[in-house]
Structures are given as C-alpha cells and as structure tokens.
Amino acid sequence: MRKLFIILITLGILCTCIDPYTPNLDNFQSILVVDALLTDENTSNYVKLSRTIQSLDQEPEKVSCAIVTISDDLGNSTLLSESSKGIYKTDSLSFRGETGRAYTLCIKTDDGKEYRSEPSILYPVNDIDSIYFEKDNEISEKTSENLEGVRIYIDSKDGNQGDYYRWTCEEWWKFSVPDPKKYEYINDSTFLRIDNIHQVCWGNKKSDDIIIESSSSSNSGSFQRKPMIFVPSDTSARLSIRYCVQVRQLSISQKEYEYWNQMRQINESGGDIFDKQPFQIFSNIKNINDPDEQVLGYFQVSGVSQRRKYINFSDIKDLNLPEYKYFCKRIEKSIADYPPPLSPGGGMSWDKIYSQHIAAGYIFVEPILINGKLALLAFTTAGCADCELHGTLKKPAFWSDSE
C-alpha cells in the first residue's frame, strides 16, 4: 500500500496549496492520515495513523500514543493496542468482525483531538471459485517495452446485484541465485566454509493496484475471467522456480467503492495528478469537534474470502515465455595476473587481490585450488552471490513445495 500512502500524502500537500500547479508549501498543514481495515478474518485488524509531510523524501510522521477503539451497533467496544509506533491492532483471540454488524472507529490523539468514522456495515462476501493463469503480454509503463508473461484471473461465485467488491493480491516466490558465496576469506591459507549458504530465498510483494467492481456490471452478479495482476517472466525471478499468489476478495459499501474509484483515477493519472482536484477525495472519518478539518484515508470494513494459486516453472515452460537471466560478472584472479611492479618488494598478494575486489563491490565466492594449492580467488557481483539481497531465507509459514 506504499503507492496509496504516497497518493494520500501528495493530496495532503496539494490540499494546502493555493495553486495546484505551483504548490505553495508555506501554507502546509499537518493532516491526519488514517489507514484502517476491519474484516471478519481470524487475524488482528489494524489502524495506522500518520500525518502528512512537506516532502515525499521525508519519512512519514507516525502518530503515537493515541487512544483507538472500535465499537459496534450492539454497544460492544474494543480497545486497540499500539504494537509499534503509529500502528494499532486488535487482539485476534478476543475480537473479530461479524457479518451484518455496523462498526465505528474512534481515535483520540494525544493533543486532545477526537475523530470518529461513520458507522460502516460489514457485508457478507462470496467465495472465490478458482484462480488460474494464461499467457499474456503488457506494455511496460517505465520502458514502453512489450513484456510477455502470465496474467492471473479469478472466477467468483454469484452474488447479489448491486454488491461492491475490492480485490488485493500478494505474491511470494521461491528463487535461487546462480553463484552463491560458499567461503569466507581469512588469509591465503585459511578459508572458512559457510554452513548456511544464501542460495535459495523467498521474495514477497503486495500489489498496489486498485481493483474494484460492482456486481451490477455483470448480468448474473458473478465475476468470470476477472483479471487480477500481470506477472512478466523475464524482468524478475518470480516465475523461475515456484510462484504463489494470494487473492483476497473484499466486500465493500457503495461509499467505499466511490472512495477507491477516486483514488484509482488519481493513481492512473500518473504525472498528471494535478489535473485531479484533491478536494473531491473524501474520508468517512471526521473531527467530532471540527467537522471542517480535513482527514485523509478511510475506515474500511469488509468481509473477506481468499484463495491461493501456485505456479511452478514446469507449468509455464511450454508457453515459450522469455526466461529471467542473471547478469553476473564472475572474476577469477591469481597473483600471476598482475605483473611485478618496478619498485622492489611491492608485488601483488592474495590479500591485496581480495581487498581490491571487495572495495570494488564484488563478493568473494570461493577459492579455486589446483593440486591442493591456491590458484585463484573467485568473485562475483553481489546480486548473484546472496539471495537475501532480494528476499529472505525464511520460508513463508504457509508455503508448500507440492500442490
């Protein structure tokens, strides 16, 4: 959701400016930004509080020490605890959203201001019937190149006419680097074998795409061949071994649908964000003592259904897709590669070879021995030697290496 956060921060800056084309940051105001989601899932719900900043280069100002509560239309109320600065969560063991209940978010900041959302009903959600993929292509927004890959689709069961939905996608993938670091260099006679070689890792990405639709757009109220995300095959290692996508289908109200639709229009405007009047973006959260104070963000209340899909490399190898290739520069050097200097006593050493290449940004991989004697030191580019530069060694808890 980082892209969404940047949009909200940008809107906060623009809304304090007289001329949207030449922002006057002297009129900057600190505006409360609320990112809150309540669902019927068996997990902690969250409320993230921050304030707008004058520059997108700055770190967001997180709002700490607030009192955050969620209440329902039966008079029940739960207090959220601050798990980390600016992030407040419910207890998953004692609180869970219920279909048909209306929920209200209340926030009291440490400066005494109180904010309250409109009551929002948690609507039921239909199941995702299936997730599947097909070969497809897409024009890159960055390079204008034609990218080949797979597009993820869902089929969703029939719902009621007039229901509104939003979808989110999260991706994980297993990948391997081609030339992992195997040894630590101590000196020309001592090399320590690494026990935990960083060769296989898992990557993770949450899609920033805003995907929404009303069931009234289809005759039956169901969604057939609803496109989710496009995964290019040769721009990353996502499809190189095993890939997993999780699609969440969220029920939303008509008002929240309108909110996301406005956010999507601003997002799709790209560099022309100034063409969209930020004053049209509304929040369902108000300062109870000052209704004219602007608040950015939305208290989202949703029923959720989800489904995962795994894609192995063997599943796509017959699609004739271009494969991802690592651009590695492996260097193997010996003392013989460096002619003796003119100055006596200043010859090259193994330690100097090691130090020079490490200083140049290369990673030492391994020693190469011939007849039991050190013959070469092998180095390679960092991205080819350590998978943790692009992922984590920790396998996701749900991950399965078989269907």
Protein backbone atom coordinates (compact mmCIF):
# COMPACT_ATOMS: atom_id res chain seq x y z
CA MET A 1 0.00 0.00 0.00
CA ARG A 2 3.00 2.29 -0.24
CA LYS A 3 1.74 3.78 -3.50
CA LEU A 4 -1.59 4.58 -1.85
CA PHE A 5 0.22 6.22 1.07
CA ILE A 6 2.21 8.41 -1.34
CA ILE A 7 -1.03 9.45 -3.07
CA LEU A 8 -2.59 10.40 0.26
CA ILE A 9 0.48 12.36 1.32
CA THR A 10 0.55 14.14 -2.04
CA LEU A 11 -3.12 15.01 -1.69
CA GLY A 12 -2.43 16.38 1.76
CA ILE A 13 0.23 18.68 0.32
CA LEU A 14 -1.93 19.80 -2.59
CA CYS A 15 -4.96 20.49 -0.43
CA THR A 16 -3.00 23.13 1.49
CA CYS A 17 -1.90 24.93 -1.66
CA ILE A 18 -3.49 27.91 -3.38
CA ASP A 19 -2.37 26.98 -6.89
CA PRO A 20 -2.31 23.20 -7.59
CA TYR A 21 0.25 23.63 -10.37
CA THR A 22 2.75 25.57 -8.25
CA PRO A 23 2.35 24.26 -4.69
CA ASN A 24 3.00 26.84 -2.00
CA LEU A 25 4.37 24.75 0.81
CA ASP A 26 4.46 27.80 3.10
CA ASN A 27 0.75 27.03 3.62
CA PHE A 28 1.48 23.42 4.55
CA GLN A 29 -0.75 21.90 7.24
CA SER A 30 -0.25 18.66 9.08
CA ILE A 31 -3.24 16.46 8.19
CA LEU A 32 -4.15 13.21 9.90
CA VAL A 33 -3.84 10.16 7.62
CA VAL A 34 -5.80 7.05 8.60
CA ASP A 35 -5.29 3.60 7.07
CA ALA A 36 -7.69 1.25 8.85
CA LEU A 37 -9.12 -2.14 7.95
CA LEU A 38 -11.62 -4.28 9.85
CA THR A 39 -12.56 -7.73 8.47
CA ASP A 40 -14.19 -10.98 9.56
CA GLU A 41 -10.88 -12.83 9.19
CA ASN A 42 -9.34 -14.64 12.15
CA THR A 43 -6.49 -12.18 12.43
CA SER A 44 -5.60 -8.86 14.04
CA ASN A 45 -7.25 -5.83 12.49
CA TYR A 46 -5.19 -2.69 12.20
CA VAL A 47 -5.33 1.10 12.28
CA LYS A 48 -2.28 3.02 11.04
CA LEU A 49 -2.03 6.70 11.94
CA SER A 50 0.35 9.22 10.43
CA ARG A 51 0.48 12.85 9.34
CA THR A 52 1.20 14.48 6.02
CA ILE A 53 4.72 15.73 5.42
CA GLN A 54 6.09 18.62 3.40
CA SER A 55 8.30 16.48 1.15
CA LEU A 56 7.84 12.98 -0.26
CA ASP A 57 11.52 12.43 0.53
CA GLN A 58 10.77 12.63 4.25
CA GLU A 59 9.82 9.70 6.43
CA PRO A 60 6.12 9.73 7.37
CA GLU A 61 5.34 11.29 10.74
CA LYS A 62 3.73 8.47 12.70
CA VAL A 63 1.07 9.30 15.28
CA SER A 64 1.80 7.55 18.56
CA CYS A 65 0.11 7.44 21.99
CA ALA A 66 -3.42 7.71 20.57
CA ILE A 67 -6.46 6.01 22.08
CA VAL A 68 -8.05 3.92 19.34
CA THR A 69 -11.30 1.99 19.77
CA ILE A 70 -13.74 0.16 17.51
CA SER A 71 -17.38 -0.19 18.57
CA ASP A 72 -20.37 -1.97 17.01
CA ASP A 73 -24.10 -1.24 16.81
CA LEU A 74 -24.78 -3.50 19.80
CA GLY A 75 -22.71 -1.30 22.12
CA ASN A 76 -19.65 -3.57 22.23
CA SER A 77 -16.29 -1.80 22.13
CA THR A 78 -12.68 -2.95 21.87
CA LEU A 79 -9.51 -1.01 22.60
CA LEU A 80 -6.64 -1.41 20.16
CA SER A 81 -3.07 -1.67 21.44
CA GLU A 82 -0.14 0.13 19.83
CA SER A 83 2.02 -2.72 18.51
CA SER A 84 4.62 -0.34 17.08
CA LYS A 85 4.79 3.42 16.62
CA GLY A 86 1.65 4.59 14.84
CA ILE A 87 0.26 1.05 14.32
CA TYR A 88 -2.67 -0.09 16.46
CA LYS A 89 -4.06 -3.64 16.42
CA THR A 90 -6.93 -5.66 17.85
CA ASP A 91 -6.48 -8.91 19.76
CA SER A 92 -7.26 -11.69 17.26
CA LEU A 93 -8.30 -14.02 20.10
CA SER A 94 -10.94 -11.71 21.56
CA PHE A 95 -12.19 -9.64 18.63
CA ARG A 96 -13.36 -10.47 15.14
CA GLY A 97 -15.66 -8.62 12.75
CA GLU A 98 -19.12 -10.12 12.24
CA THR A 99 -21.26 -10.01 9.10
CA GLY A 100 -24.22 -7.64 9.41
CA ARG A 101 -22.78 -5.58 12.25
CA ALA A 102 -22.07 -1.86 11.82
CA TYR A 103 -18.72 -0.65 13.16
CA THR A 104 -17.43 2.78 14.15
CA LEU A 105 -13.79 3.80 14.56
CA CYS A 106 -12.90 6.32 17.28
CA ILE A 107 -9.50 7.99 17.60
CA LYS A 108 -8.31 10.35 20.33
CA THR A 109 -4.84 11.79 19.68
CA ASP A 110 -2.52 12.90 22.45
CA ASP A 111 -3.25 16.56 21.64
CA GLY A 112 -6.86 16.05 22.71
CA LYS A 113 -8.49 15.90 19.27
CA GLU A 114 -11.18 13.29 18.74
CA TYR A 115 -12.11 11.67 15.44
CA ARG A 116 -14.97 9.34 14.60
CA SER A 117 -15.91 7.42 11.47
CA GLU A 118 -19.34 6.95 10.03
CA PRO A 119 -20.87 3.58 11.02
CA SER A 120 -19.90 1.02 8.36
CA ILE A 121 -21.67 -2.29 7.83
CA LEU A 122 -19.64 -5.46 7.36
CA TYR A 123 -21.29 -7.00 4.32
CA PRO A 124 -21.03 -10.73 3.52
CA VAL A 125 -18.66 -11.77 0.76
CA ASN A 126 -18.89 -14.55 -1.82
CA ASP A 127 -16.25 -17.23 -2.32
CA ILE A 128 -13.57 -17.13 -4.98
CA ASP A 129 -14.37 -20.15 -7.12
CA SER A 130 -10.97 -20.52 -8.83
CA ILE A 131 -7.68 -18.82 -9.67
CA TYR A 132 -5.89 -19.56 -12.91
CA PHE A 133 -3.41 -18.04 -15.34
CA GLU A 134 -2.94 -17.60 -19.05
CA LYS A 135 -0.13 -16.40 -21.27
CA ASP A 136 -0.42 -12.68 -21.99
CA ASN A 137 1.58 -9.54 -22.69
CA GLU A 138 1.60 -5.96 -21.47
CA ILE A 139 3.35 -2.69 -22.33
CA SER A 140 5.77 -1.57 -19.63
CA GLU A 141 4.91 1.85 -18.18
CA LYS A 142 8.59 2.52 -17.46
CA THR A 143 10.27 1.38 -20.70
CA SER A 144 7.32 1.12 -23.14
CA GLU A 145 8.59 -2.37 -23.99
CA ASN A 146 6.23 -5.23 -24.74
CA LEU A 147 6.52 -7.65 -21.82
CA GLU A 148 5.49 -11.29 -22.01
CA GLY A 149 4.32 -13.28 -19.04
CA VAL A 150 1.21 -14.66 -17.37
CA ARG A 151 -1.94 -12.91 -16.22
CA ILE A 152 -3.73 -14.08 -13.11
CA TYR A 153 -7.53 -14.40 -13.32
CA ILE A 154 -10.27 -15.36 -10.88
CA ASP A 155 -13.79 -16.69 -11.21
CA SER A 156 -16.08 -15.72 -8.37
CA LYS A 157 -19.41 -17.22 -7.40
CA ASP A 158 -22.71 -15.43 -7.91
CA GLY A 159 -23.51 -12.55 -5.61
CA ASN A 160 -26.37 -10.13 -5.17
CA GLN A 161 -26.94 -7.48 -7.79
CA GLY A 162 -25.58 -4.16 -6.60
CA ASP A 163 -22.86 -5.62 -4.34
CA TYR A 164 -19.47 -3.91 -4.41
CA TYR A 165 -16.08 -5.59 -4.22
CA ARG A 166 -12.39 -4.85 -3.96
CA TRP A 167 -9.53 -7.28 -4.56
CA THR A 168 -5.98 -7.31 -3.24
CA CYS A 169 -3.10 -9.50 -4.41
CA GLU A 170 0.03 -10.60 -2.58
CA GLU A 171 2.83 -12.57 -4.24
CA TRP A 172 5.55 -14.88 -2.95
CA TRP A 173 8.16 -16.71 -4.99
CA LYS A 174 10.99 -19.13 -4.44
CA PHE A 175 14.19 -18.29 -6.29
CA SER A 176 17.85 -19.20 -6.41
CA VAL A 177 20.99 -17.19 -7.17
CA PRO A 178 23.46 -18.78 -9.60
CA ASP A 179 26.80 -18.22 -7.87
CA PRO A 180 26.34 -18.17 -4.07
CA LYS A 181 29.07 -17.25 -1.64
CA LYS A 182 30.48 -20.50 -0.25
CA TYR A 183 33.54 -19.41 1.75
CA GLU A 184 34.79 -16.60 3.96
CA TYR A 185 38.31 -15.38 3.13
CA ILE A 186 40.58 -15.15 6.18
CA ASN A 187 44.01 -15.22 4.53
CA ASP A 188 45.73 -17.04 1.68
CA SER A 189 45.86 -20.26 3.70
CA THR A 190 42.56 -20.09 5.62
CA PHE A 191 39.07 -20.22 4.12
CA LEU A 192 36.01 -20.92 6.24
CA ARG A 193 33.22 -22.95 4.66
CA ILE A 194 29.83 -21.24 5.12
CA ASP A 195 27.24 -23.54 6.66
CA ASN A 196 24.17 -21.53 5.69
CA ILE A 197 24.74 -20.63 2.04
CA HIS A 198 22.40 -17.87 0.84
CA GLN A 199 21.39 -19.55 -2.39
CA VAL A 200 17.62 -20.14 -2.08
CA CYS A 201 15.28 -17.42 -0.83
CA TRP A 202 11.67 -16.29 -0.96
CA GLY A 203 10.55 -12.96 -2.33
CA ASN A 204 7.36 -11.11 -1.43
CA LYS A 205 5.36 -8.26 -2.96
CA LYS A 206 1.97 -6.69 -2.29
CA SER A 207 0.29 -5.29 -5.36
CA ASP A 208 -0.55 -1.57 -5.32
CA ASP A 209 -3.22 -1.97 -8.00
CA ILE A 210 -6.68 -0.73 -7.04
CA ILE A 211 -9.09 -3.40 -8.34
CA ILE A 212 -12.78 -2.72 -7.71
CA GLU A 213 -16.06 -3.59 -9.35
CA SER A 214 -19.79 -3.73 -8.78
CA SER A 215 -21.69 -6.97 -9.36
CA SER A 216 -24.27 -4.90 -11.24
CA SER A 217 -21.74 -4.73 -14.09
CA SER A 218 -22.48 -8.40 -14.88
CA ASN A 219 -25.85 -9.90 -15.66
CA SER A 220 -25.51 -12.73 -13.16
CA GLY A 221 -23.70 -10.86 -10.40
CA SER A 222 -20.71 -13.19 -10.75
CA PHE A 223 -17.21 -12.40 -12.00
CA GLN A 224 -15.82 -14.61 -14.75
CA ARG A 225 -12.24 -14.19 -16.00
CA LYS A 226 -11.72 -11.19 -13.76
CA PRO A 227 -8.09 -10.09 -14.35
CA MET A 228 -6.02 -9.53 -11.23
CA ILE A 229 -2.34 -8.95 -11.97
CA PHE A 230 0.19 -9.45 -14.75
CA VAL A 231 3.48 -11.25 -13.99
CA PRO A 232 6.24 -10.69 -16.59
CA SER A 233 8.51 -13.69 -16.99
CA ASP A 234 11.88 -12.08 -17.70
CA THR A 235 12.04 -8.95 -15.52
CA SER A 236 12.48 -10.81 -12.23
CA ALA A 237 12.96 -14.32 -10.84
CA ARG A 238 9.32 -14.61 -9.76
CA LEU A 239 8.48 -17.43 -12.16
CA SER A 240 11.90 -19.11 -12.17
CA ILE A 241 11.16 -21.91 -9.64
CA ARG A 242 7.84 -21.69 -7.80
CA TYR A 243 5.42 -18.78 -7.52
CA CYS A 244 2.39 -18.21 -5.30
CA VAL A 245 -0.30 -15.55 -5.48
CA GLN A 246 -2.96 -14.93 -2.85
CA VAL A 247 -6.08 -13.08 -3.93
CA ARG A 248 -8.38 -11.58 -1.32
CA GLN A 249 -11.94 -10.64 -2.26
CA LEU A 250 -13.40 -7.93 0.00
CA SER A 251 -17.00 -6.81 0.25
CA ILE A 252 -17.30 -3.02 0.44
CA SER A 253 -20.04 -0.43 0.68
CA GLN A 254 -21.06 1.85 -2.18
CA LYS A 255 -19.41 4.81 -0.41
CA GLU A 256 -16.13 2.92 -0.06
CA TYR A 257 -16.37 1.89 -3.69
CA GLU A 258 -16.63 5.57 -4.65
CA TYR A 259 -13.62 6.36 -2.46
CA TRP A 260 -11.46 3.70 -4.13
CA ASN A 261 -12.69 4.75 -7.55
CA GLN A 262 -11.48 8.30 -6.92
CA MET A 263 -8.16 7.01 -5.63
CA ARG A 264 -7.81 4.86 -8.74
CA GLN A 265 -8.46 7.83 -11.03
CA ILE A 266 -5.71 9.83 -9.32
CA ASN A 267 -3.38 6.83 -9.43
CA GLU A 268 -4.00 6.28 -13.14
CA SER A 269 -3.38 9.95 -13.89
CA GLY A 270 0.31 9.34 -13.12
CA GLY A 271 2.32 12.53 -13.54
CA ASP A 272 -0.88 14.48 -14.19
CA ILE A 273 -2.06 14.15 -10.61
CA PHE A 274 -2.51 17.94 -10.51
CA ASP A 275 -5.30 17.61 -13.07
CA LYS A 276 -7.43 15.83 -10.47
CA GLN A 277 -8.95 18.05 -7.82
CA PRO A 278 -7.83 16.53 -4.49
CA PHE A 279 -10.76 18.26 -2.78
CA GLN A 280 -13.06 15.60 -4.28
CA ILE A 281 -11.43 12.84 -2.25
CA PHE A 282 -13.47 12.33 0.89
CA SER A 283 -12.99 10.39 4.10
CA ASN A 284 -15.59 8.72 6.28
CA ILE A 285 -13.68 9.99 9.34
CA LYS A 286 -14.29 13.42 10.89
CA ASN A 287 -13.05 15.50 13.80
CA ILE A 288 -16.13 15.45 16.05
CA ASN A 289 -15.46 18.99 17.32
CA ASP A 290 -14.30 20.44 14.00
CA PRO A 291 -16.07 18.77 11.04
CA ASP A 292 -14.30 21.11 8.61
CA GLU A 293 -10.87 19.69 9.50
CA GLN A 294 -9.65 17.55 6.64
CA VAL A 295 -8.78 13.90 7.29
CA LEU A 296 -7.18 11.64 4.68
CA GLY A 297 -7.84 7.92 4.43
CA TYR A 298 -10.78 5.65 5.08
CA PHE A 299 -12.08 3.23 7.71
CA GLN A 300 -12.54 0.08 5.62
CA VAL A 301 -14.95 -2.60 6.81
CA SER A 302 -15.05 -5.80 4.75
CA GLY A 303 -15.97 -9.42 4.66
CA VAL A 304 -13.09 -11.38 3.13
CA SER A 305 -12.66 -14.58 1.16
CA GLN A 306 -9.28 -15.63 -0.18
CA ARG A 307 -7.60 -18.23 -2.31
CA ARG A 308 -4.02 -19.10 -3.28
CA LYS A 309 -2.55 -20.38 -6.52
CA TYR A 310 0.91 -21.93 -7.03
CA ILE A 311 2.68 -21.84 -10.39
CA ASN A 312 5.77 -23.99 -10.96
CA PHE A 313 8.28 -23.31 -13.70
CA SER A 314 7.25 -26.65 -15.20
CA ASP A 315 3.70 -25.26 -15.56
CA ILE A 316 4.83 -22.47 -17.89
CA LYS A 317 7.85 -23.94 -19.67
CA ASP A 318 5.75 -24.91 -22.71
CA LEU A 319 4.35 -21.38 -23.10
CA ASN A 320 7.57 -20.23 -24.83
CA LEU A 321 7.98 -17.29 -22.47
CA PRO A 322 11.33 -15.50 -22.19
CA GLU A 323 13.19 -16.59 -19.07
CA TYR A 324 14.76 -14.36 -16.46
CA LYS A 325 18.55 -14.25 -16.68
CA TYR A 326 21.00 -13.10 -14.04
CA PHE A 327 23.66 -10.76 -15.36
CA CYS A 328 26.62 -12.00 -13.33
CA LYS A 329 30.21 -10.95 -13.70
CA ARG A 330 32.37 -13.69 -12.26
CA ILE A 331 36.04 -12.79 -11.84
CA GLU A 332 38.78 -15.30 -11.12
CA LYS A 333 42.16 -13.81 -10.28
CA SER A 334 45.61 -15.09 -9.34
CA ILE A 335 48.84 -13.31 -8.45
CA ALA A 336 50.13 -14.22 -11.93
CA ASP A 337 47.50 -11.87 -13.44
CA TYR A 338 49.39 -8.89 -12.01
CA PRO A 339 52.86 -8.15 -13.46
CA PRO A 340 55.54 -7.27 -10.89
CA PRO A 341 55.83 -3.54 -10.20
CA LEU A 342 59.03 -1.70 -10.96
CA SER A 343 59.51 -0.84 -7.30
CA PRO A 344 61.24 -3.72 -5.46
CA GLY A 345 59.33 -5.50 -2.69
CA GLY A 346 55.89 -4.17 -3.71
CA GLY A 347 54.41 -7.18 -5.50
CA MET A 348 50.76 -8.26 -5.51
CA SER A 349 49.49 -10.56 -2.75
CA TRP A 350 46.36 -12.62 -2.25
CA ASP A 351 45.26 -10.23 0.48
CA LYS A 352 45.56 -7.28 -1.91
CA ILE A 353 43.57 -9.09 -4.62
CA TYR A 354 40.86 -9.81 -2.08
CA SER A 355 40.78 -6.25 -0.69
CA GLN A 356 40.70 -4.60 -4.11
CA HIS A 357 37.71 -6.61 -5.34
CA ILE A 358 35.76 -6.25 -2.10
CA ALA A 359 36.34 -2.49 -2.25
CA ALA A 360 35.01 -2.51 -5.83
CA GLY A 361 31.73 -4.04 -4.63
CA TYR A 362 32.29 -7.68 -5.58
CA ILE A 363 31.55 -10.63 -3.30
CA PHE A 364 34.17 -13.29 -2.59
CA VAL A 365 32.70 -16.65 -3.58
CA GLU A 366 35.34 -19.34 -3.18
CA PRO A 367 39.00 -20.27 -3.56
CA ILE A 368 40.00 -22.39 -6.53
CA LEU A 369 42.65 -24.98 -5.75
CA ILE A 370 44.83 -26.84 -8.21
CA ASN A 371 46.75 -29.84 -6.88
CA GLY A 372 45.87 -28.75 -3.37
CA LYS A 373 47.37 -25.27 -3.78
CA LEU A 374 45.58 -21.92 -4.04
CA ALA A 375 45.43 -20.96 -7.72
CA LEU A 376 42.63 -18.41 -7.99
CA LEU A 377 40.22 -16.30 -5.94
CA ALA A 378 36.70 -16.18 -7.36
CA PHE A 379 34.46 -13.12 -7.04
CA THR A 380 31.08 -12.21 -8.47
CA THR A 381 28.52 -9.41 -8.44
CA ALA A 382 26.54 -9.12 -5.20
CA GLY A 383 23.11 -9.93 -6.63
CA CYS A 384 24.38 -13.26 -7.93
CA ALA A 385 26.01 -14.33 -4.67
CA ASP A 386 23.49 -13.55 -1.93
CA CYS A 387 19.76 -14.19 -2.35
CA GLU A 388 18.99 -12.17 0.79
CA LEU A 389 19.65 -9.01 -1.19
CA HIS A 390 16.32 -9.63 -2.94
CA GLY A 391 14.41 -11.78 -0.45
CA THR A 392 14.54 -13.73 2.79
CA LEU A 393 15.89 -17.12 3.80
CA LYS A 394 12.77 -17.67 5.90
CA LYS A 395 10.18 -19.79 4.11
CA PRO A 396 6.61 -18.43 4.45
CA ALA A 397 4.69 -20.35 7.11
CA PHE A 398 2.02 -21.47 4.64
CA TRP A 399 4.42 -22.39 1.84
CA SER A 400 4.10 -25.80 0.22
CA ASP A 401 6.52 -27.25 -2.31
CA SER A 402 3.81 -29.51 -3.67
CA GLU A 403 0.20 -28.90 -4.63
